[in-house]
C-alpha atoms as a PDB file:
ATOM      1  CA  UNK A   1      24.941   2.284   2.648  1.00  0.00           C
ATOM      2  CA  UNK A   2      21.300   1.936   1.877  1.00  0.00           C
ATOM      3  CA  UNK A   3      19.873   3.998  -0.914  1.00  0.00           C
ATOM      4  CA  UNK A   4      16.634   5.700  -0.005  1.00  0.00           C
ATOM      5  CA  UNK A   5      14.639   8.298  -1.848  1.00  0.00           C
ATOM      6  CA  UNK A   6      14.958  11.820  -0.517  1.00  0.00           C
ATOM      7  CA  UNK A   7      11.998  13.134   1.519  1.00  0.00           C
ATOM      8  CA  UNK A   8      11.149  15.543  -1.296  1.00  0.00           C
ATOM      9  CA  UNK A   9      10.255  12.663  -3.620  1.00  0.00           C
ATOM     10  CA  UNK A  10       7.888  11.177  -1.046  1.00  0.00           C
ATOM     11  CA  UNK A  11       6.109  14.485  -0.524  1.00  0.00           C
ATOM     12  CA  UNK A  12       5.841  14.984  -4.292  1.00  0.00           C
ATOM     13  CA  UNK A  13       4.163  11.600  -4.694  1.00  0.00           C
ATOM     14  CA  UNK A  14       1.815  12.374  -1.813  1.00  0.00           C
ATOM     15  CA  UNK A  15       0.951  15.708  -3.431  1.00  0.00           C
ATOM     16  CA  UNK A  16       0.170  14.003  -6.723  1.00  0.00           C
ATOM     17  CA  UNK A  17      -2.123  11.527  -4.998  1.00  0.00           C
ATOM     18  CA  UNK A  18      -3.869  14.350  -3.168  1.00  0.00           C
ATOM     19  CA  UNK A  19      -4.417  16.242  -6.409  1.00  0.00           C
ATOM     20  CA  UNK A  20      -5.741  13.088  -8.101  1.00  0.00           C
ATOM     21  CA  UNK A  21      -8.249  12.511  -5.298  1.00  0.00           C
ATOM     22  CA  UNK A  22      -9.293  16.163  -5.472  1.00  0.00           C
ATOM     23  CA  UNK A  23      -9.882  15.984  -9.212  1.00  0.00           C
ATOM     24  CA  UNK A  24     -11.858  12.776  -8.740  1.00  0.00           C
ATOM     25  CA  UNK A  25     -13.970  14.462  -6.068  1.00  0.00           C
ATOM     26  CA  UNK A  26     -14.581  17.419  -8.397  1.00  0.00           C
ATOM     27  CA  UNK A  27     -15.797  15.139 -11.176  1.00  0.00           C
ATOM     28  CA  UNK A  28     -17.954  12.941  -8.935  1.00  0.00           C
ATOM     29  CA  UNK A  29     -18.641  13.874  -5.329  1.00  0.00           C
ATOM     30  CA  UNK A  30     -16.708  13.781  -2.088  1.00  0.00           C
ATOM     31  CA  UNK A  31     -19.107  11.146  -0.752  1.00  0.00           C
ATOM     32  CA  UNK A  32     -18.324   8.869  -3.707  1.00  0.00           C
ATOM     33  CA  UNK A  33     -14.613   9.333  -3.049  1.00  0.00           C
ATOM     34  CA  UNK A  34     -15.104   8.453   0.639  1.00  0.00           C
ATOM     35  CA  UNK A  35     -16.869   5.255  -0.433  1.00  0.00           C
ATOM     36  CA  UNK A  36     -14.175   4.226  -2.950  1.00  0.00           C
ATOM     37  CA  UNK A  37     -10.948   5.089  -1.091  1.00  0.00           C
ATOM     38  CA  UNK A  38     -11.221   2.256   1.496  1.00  0.00           C
ATOM     39  CA  UNK A  39     -11.172  -0.328  -1.309  1.00  0.00           C
ATOM     40  CA  UNK A  40      -7.894   0.864  -2.859  1.00  0.00           C
ATOM     41  CA  UNK A  41      -5.707  -1.320  -0.590  1.00  0.00           C
ATOM     42  CA  UNK A  42      -7.605  -4.330  -1.940  1.00  0.00           C
ATOM     43  CA  UNK A  43      -6.381  -3.428  -5.431  1.00  0.00           C
ATOM     44  CA  UNK A  44      -2.832  -3.460  -4.126  1.00  0.00           C
ATOM     45  CA  UNK A  45      -3.322  -6.873  -2.560  1.00  0.00           C
ATOM     46  CA  UNK A  46      -4.882  -8.203  -5.766  1.00  0.00           C
ATOM     47  CA  UNK A  47      -1.878  -6.926  -7.721  1.00  0.00           C
ATOM     48  CA  UNK A  48       0.308  -9.370  -5.787  1.00  0.00           C
ATOM     49  CA  UNK A  49      -1.455 -12.202  -7.629  1.00  0.00           C
ATOM     50  CA  UNK A  50      -0.788 -10.831 -11.115  1.00  0.00           C
ATOM     51  CA  UNK A  51       1.552 -12.925 -13.235  1.00  0.00           C
ATOM     52  CA  UNK A  52       5.208 -11.982 -13.445  1.00  0.00           C
ATOM     53  CA  UNK A  53       6.360 -10.007 -16.504  1.00  0.00           C
ATOM     54  CA  UNK A  54       9.691 -11.847 -16.595  1.00  0.00           C
ATOM     55  CA  UNK A  55      10.317 -14.130 -19.532  1.00  0.00           C
ATOM     56  CA  UNK A  56      12.776 -16.996 -19.332  1.00  0.00           C
END
């Protein structure tokens, strides 16, 4: 059997992200958030090139 997270966990994470974006929009502006959000996937791609934390 494959172990997958229950749907509740996924919706909780989505809710947290939504709240974080809302707080960011409150502190800056919604236009600034709209300009920054498209670049977030680039951060994820750049993270793939970070060195491994494993020590041998």
